[in-house]
Amino acid sequence: MVTVAPTSDVPVRITAINFNASSIGQSYNRLAIIAVFGPEGGTSGLTKIRIDNCSFTGGEDAVEFNDFAYGVVDTSTFIDCSYGVVTYGERRL
């Protein structure tokens, strides 16, 4: 539903949104409701991501951090999500 992939380490905040993956039939292939992608390789990543006061219903991964991306997910509600918050380290080719 939402992809966050800034090219530099800028503050990003997603707040007070109700996401309902069940209403669009998104419940397969581990598609994230919010996917955060940091840069691959290098020495720095995204460190200023905040997701708060949101509601997530249905789907597989509600919030997914990929590669060099770090942040905070707080004061949110997860209903019938297989995974609330997941992280995947850097992919090396």
N, C-alpha and C. Protein backbone atom coordinates (compact mmCIF):
# COMPACT_ATOMS: atom_id res chain seq x y z
N MET A 1 0.82 -1.20 0.00
CA MET A 1 0.00 0.00 0.00
C MET A 1 0.86 1.25 0.00
N VAL A 2 1.90 1.28 0.88
CA VAL A 2 2.76 2.46 0.99
C VAL A 2 4.21 2.01 0.93
N THR A 3 4.98 2.65 0.07
CA THR A 3 6.42 2.40 0.00
C THR A 3 7.16 3.66 0.40
N VAL A 4 8.11 3.50 1.31
CA VAL A 4 8.94 4.61 1.76
C VAL A 4 10.37 4.29 1.32
N ALA A 5 10.94 5.12 0.45
CA ALA A 5 12.30 4.87 -0.04
C ALA A 5 13.00 6.18 -0.38
N PRO A 6 13.22 7.04 0.61
CA PRO A 6 13.92 8.30 0.32
C PRO A 6 15.37 8.02 -0.06
N THR A 7 15.96 8.91 -0.83
CA THR A 7 17.33 8.72 -1.28
C THR A 7 18.36 9.24 -0.29
N SER A 8 17.90 9.93 0.76
CA SER A 8 18.80 10.38 1.82
C SER A 8 18.11 10.19 3.16
N ASP A 9 18.87 10.33 4.23
CA ASP A 9 18.35 10.09 5.58
C ASP A 9 17.58 11.31 6.09
N VAL A 10 16.36 11.44 5.63
CA VAL A 10 15.50 12.55 6.05
C VAL A 10 14.42 12.02 6.98
N PRO A 11 13.89 12.85 7.86
CA PRO A 11 12.81 12.39 8.74
C PRO A 11 11.55 12.04 7.93
N VAL A 12 10.99 10.87 8.23
CA VAL A 12 9.74 10.44 7.60
C VAL A 12 8.82 10.00 8.72
N ARG A 13 7.60 10.51 8.71
CA ARG A 13 6.62 10.12 9.74
C ARG A 13 5.31 9.77 9.06
N ILE A 14 4.78 8.62 9.42
CA ILE A 14 3.45 8.20 8.98
C ILE A 14 2.64 8.07 10.26
N THR A 15 1.57 8.84 10.37
CA THR A 15 0.83 8.87 11.63
C THR A 15 -0.67 8.95 11.41
N ALA A 16 -1.40 8.35 12.34
CA ALA A 16 -2.86 8.44 12.43
C ALA A 16 -3.60 8.04 11.16
N ILE A 17 -3.21 6.89 10.59
CA ILE A 17 -3.89 6.37 9.40
C ILE A 17 -4.42 4.97 9.72
N ASN A 18 -5.61 4.66 9.24
CA ASN A 18 -6.20 3.34 9.40
C ASN A 18 -6.00 2.58 8.09
N PHE A 19 -5.16 1.54 8.11
CA PHE A 19 -4.90 0.71 6.94
C PHE A 19 -5.70 -0.57 7.05
N ASN A 20 -6.49 -0.91 6.02
CA ASN A 20 -7.27 -2.13 6.04
C ASN A 20 -6.94 -2.96 4.81
N ALA A 21 -5.94 -3.83 4.93
CA ALA A 21 -5.51 -4.67 3.82
C ALA A 21 -6.58 -5.69 3.46
N SER A 22 -7.38 -6.10 4.41
CA SER A 22 -8.43 -7.09 4.14
C SER A 22 -9.45 -6.57 3.14
N SER A 23 -9.70 -5.27 3.17
CA SER A 23 -10.74 -4.71 2.29
C SER A 23 -10.33 -4.71 0.83
N ILE A 24 -9.03 -4.86 0.53
CA ILE A 24 -8.59 -4.91 -0.87
C ILE A 24 -8.11 -6.30 -1.25
N GLY A 25 -8.26 -7.25 -0.35
CA GLY A 25 -7.89 -8.63 -0.63
C GLY A 25 -6.39 -8.88 -0.58
N GLN A 26 -5.65 -8.02 0.06
CA GLN A 26 -4.20 -8.15 0.15
C GLN A 26 -3.87 -9.07 1.31
N SER A 27 -3.74 -10.35 1.01
CA SER A 27 -3.41 -11.28 2.09
C SER A 27 -2.53 -12.41 1.58
N TYR A 28 -1.69 -12.13 0.60
CA TYR A 28 -0.85 -13.15 0.01
C TYR A 28 0.56 -12.61 -0.23
N ASN A 29 1.50 -13.50 -0.48
CA ASN A 29 2.86 -13.13 -0.89
C ASN A 29 3.60 -12.22 0.07
N ARG A 30 3.17 -12.11 1.27
CA ARG A 30 3.84 -11.28 2.27
C ARG A 30 4.03 -9.84 1.81
N LEU A 31 3.08 -9.31 1.10
CA LEU A 31 3.15 -7.90 0.72
C LEU A 31 2.91 -7.05 1.95
N ALA A 32 3.79 -6.10 2.17
CA ALA A 32 3.68 -5.26 3.36
C ALA A 32 2.68 -4.13 3.14
N ILE A 33 2.00 -3.75 4.22
CA ILE A 33 1.13 -2.58 4.15
C ILE A 33 2.00 -1.33 4.03
N ILE A 34 3.03 -1.22 4.87
CA ILE A 34 4.03 -0.16 4.74
C ILE A 34 5.39 -0.84 4.58
N ALA A 35 6.06 -0.59 3.47
CA ALA A 35 7.39 -1.14 3.22
C ALA A 35 8.40 0.00 3.20
N VAL A 36 9.41 -0.11 4.04
CA VAL A 36 10.47 0.91 4.11
C VAL A 36 11.73 0.29 3.53
N PHE A 37 12.29 0.95 2.51
CA PHE A 37 13.49 0.45 1.84
C PHE A 37 14.63 1.43 2.03
N GLY A 38 15.69 0.97 2.69
CA GLY A 38 16.90 1.76 2.82
C GLY A 38 17.82 1.46 1.65
N PRO A 39 18.94 2.18 1.57
CA PRO A 39 19.88 1.93 0.48
C PRO A 39 20.59 0.59 0.67
N GLU A 40 20.92 -0.06 -0.44
CA GLU A 40 21.70 -1.29 -0.38
C GLU A 40 23.18 -0.90 -0.39
N GLY A 41 23.96 -1.52 0.49
CA GLY A 41 25.38 -1.22 0.54
C GLY A 41 25.65 0.12 1.20
N GLY A 42 26.89 0.55 1.14
CA GLY A 42 27.24 1.84 1.75
C GLY A 42 27.42 1.74 3.24
N THR A 43 27.62 2.88 3.87
CA THR A 43 27.89 2.90 5.30
C THR A 43 26.79 3.56 6.12
N SER A 44 25.78 4.11 5.47
CA SER A 44 24.70 4.75 6.23
C SER A 44 23.37 4.36 5.62
N GLY A 45 22.35 4.47 6.43
CA GLY A 45 21.02 4.11 5.97
C GLY A 45 19.99 5.10 6.45
N LEU A 46 18.75 4.66 6.47
CA LEU A 46 17.65 5.49 6.96
C LEU A 46 17.51 5.25 8.45
N THR A 47 17.56 6.31 9.23
CA THR A 47 17.50 6.18 10.69
C THR A 47 16.42 7.04 11.33
N LYS A 48 15.64 7.74 10.51
CA LYS A 48 14.68 8.70 11.06
C LYS A 48 13.25 8.38 10.64
N ILE A 49 12.90 7.10 10.67
CA ILE A 49 11.56 6.67 10.26
C ILE A 49 10.70 6.50 11.52
N ARG A 50 9.51 7.09 11.51
CA ARG A 50 8.58 6.90 12.63
C ARG A 50 7.19 6.61 12.07
N ILE A 51 6.61 5.54 12.58
CA ILE A 51 5.24 5.15 12.22
C ILE A 51 4.49 5.03 13.54
N ASP A 52 3.47 5.87 13.73
CA ASP A 52 2.80 5.87 15.03
C ASP A 52 1.32 6.18 14.91
N ASN A 53 0.59 5.76 15.92
CA ASN A 53 -0.86 6.00 16.03
C ASN A 53 -1.63 5.52 14.81
N CYS A 54 -1.19 4.42 14.22
CA CYS A 54 -1.87 3.85 13.06
C CYS A 54 -2.60 2.58 13.47
N SER A 55 -3.52 2.15 12.63
CA SER A 55 -4.24 0.90 12.82
C SER A 55 -4.04 0.06 11.57
N PHE A 56 -3.67 -1.20 11.76
CA PHE A 56 -3.44 -2.12 10.64
C PHE A 56 -4.38 -3.30 10.80
N THR A 57 -5.15 -3.60 9.75
CA THR A 57 -6.07 -4.73 9.78
C THR A 57 -5.78 -5.62 8.59
N GLY A 58 -5.58 -6.92 8.87
CA GLY A 58 -5.38 -7.91 7.81
C GLY A 58 -4.02 -7.84 7.15
N GLY A 59 -3.84 -8.72 6.16
CA GLY A 59 -2.59 -8.77 5.42
C GLY A 59 -1.55 -9.62 6.12
N GLU A 60 -0.38 -9.68 5.52
CA GLU A 60 0.73 -10.45 6.08
C GLU A 60 1.60 -9.58 6.96
N ASP A 61 2.53 -8.84 6.37
CA ASP A 61 3.40 -7.95 7.13
C ASP A 61 2.75 -6.57 7.20
N ALA A 62 2.51 -6.07 8.38
CA ALA A 62 1.94 -4.73 8.49
C ALA A 62 3.02 -3.70 8.14
N VAL A 63 4.15 -3.76 8.82
CA VAL A 63 5.27 -2.83 8.57
C VAL A 63 6.52 -3.66 8.34
N GLU A 64 7.24 -3.32 7.28
CA GLU A 64 8.42 -4.07 6.91
C GLU A 64 9.59 -3.12 6.66
N PHE A 65 10.70 -3.34 7.35
CA PHE A 65 11.93 -2.56 7.14
C PHE A 65 12.90 -3.42 6.35
N ASN A 66 13.46 -2.88 5.27
CA ASN A 66 14.37 -3.62 4.39
C ASN A 66 15.71 -2.91 4.25
N ASP A 67 16.76 -3.70 4.13
CA ASP A 67 18.11 -3.19 3.92
C ASP A 67 18.53 -2.28 5.07
N PHE A 68 19.22 -1.19 4.81
CA PHE A 68 19.68 -0.29 5.88
C PHE A 68 18.58 0.71 6.21
N ALA A 69 17.55 0.24 6.89
CA ALA A 69 16.44 1.10 7.30
C ALA A 69 16.08 0.77 8.74
N TYR A 70 16.02 1.78 9.56
CA TYR A 70 15.73 1.60 10.98
C TYR A 70 14.70 2.64 11.39
N GLY A 71 13.90 2.31 12.36
CA GLY A 71 12.92 3.28 12.81
C GLY A 71 12.15 2.80 14.01
N VAL A 72 11.10 3.53 14.29
CA VAL A 72 10.26 3.27 15.45
C VAL A 72 8.82 3.09 14.97
N VAL A 73 8.18 2.06 15.51
CA VAL A 73 6.75 1.86 15.30
C VAL A 73 6.15 1.82 16.69
N ASP A 74 5.31 2.81 17.02
CA ASP A 74 4.76 2.85 18.37
C ASP A 74 3.30 3.29 18.36
N THR A 75 2.63 2.99 19.44
CA THR A 75 1.25 3.37 19.69
C THR A 75 0.34 3.03 18.51
N SER A 76 0.54 1.86 17.93
CA SER A 76 -0.27 1.41 16.80
C SER A 76 -1.00 0.12 17.17
N THR A 77 -2.05 -0.19 16.43
CA THR A 77 -2.87 -1.36 16.68
C THR A 77 -2.76 -2.31 15.49
N PHE A 78 -2.60 -3.61 15.77
CA PHE A 78 -2.49 -4.63 14.73
C PHE A 78 -3.60 -5.65 14.94
N ILE A 79 -4.47 -5.81 13.94
CA ILE A 79 -5.61 -6.72 14.04
C ILE A 79 -5.55 -7.70 12.87
N ASP A 80 -5.47 -8.99 13.18
CA ASP A 80 -5.45 -10.05 12.16
C ASP A 80 -4.33 -9.90 11.14
N CYS A 81 -3.19 -9.38 11.55
CA CYS A 81 -1.99 -9.33 10.70
C CYS A 81 -1.14 -10.54 11.06
N SER A 82 -0.58 -11.20 10.06
CA SER A 82 0.30 -12.33 10.37
C SER A 82 1.53 -11.87 11.15
N TYR A 83 2.10 -10.73 10.73
CA TYR A 83 3.27 -10.17 11.40
C TYR A 83 3.07 -8.66 11.54
N GLY A 84 3.29 -8.14 12.73
CA GLY A 84 3.13 -6.70 12.95
C GLY A 84 4.26 -5.91 12.33
N VAL A 85 5.49 -6.16 12.80
CA VAL A 85 6.66 -5.45 12.29
C VAL A 85 7.76 -6.47 12.02
N VAL A 86 8.32 -6.43 10.81
CA VAL A 86 9.41 -7.33 10.46
C VAL A 86 10.58 -6.53 9.91
N THR A 87 11.77 -7.08 10.05
CA THR A 87 12.96 -6.44 9.48
C THR A 87 13.74 -7.45 8.67
N TYR A 88 14.27 -6.99 7.58
CA TYR A 88 15.13 -7.80 6.73
C TYR A 88 16.42 -7.04 6.53
N GLY A 89 17.55 -7.70 6.78
CA GLY A 89 18.85 -7.05 6.63
C GLY A 89 19.19 -6.82 5.17
N GLU A 90 20.38 -6.30 4.97
CA GLU A 90 20.82 -5.98 3.62
C GLU A 90 20.90 -7.23 2.77
N ARG A 91 20.41 -7.10 1.55
CA ARG A 91 20.53 -8.19 0.59
C ARG A 91 21.89 -8.08 -0.11
N ARG A 92 22.61 -9.13 -0.10
CA ARG A 92 23.92 -9.12 -0.78
C ARG A 92 23.82 -9.98 -2.03
N LEU A 93 24.26 -9.42 -3.13
CA LEU A 93 24.19 -10.14 -4.41
C LEU A 93 25.51 -10.79 -4.73
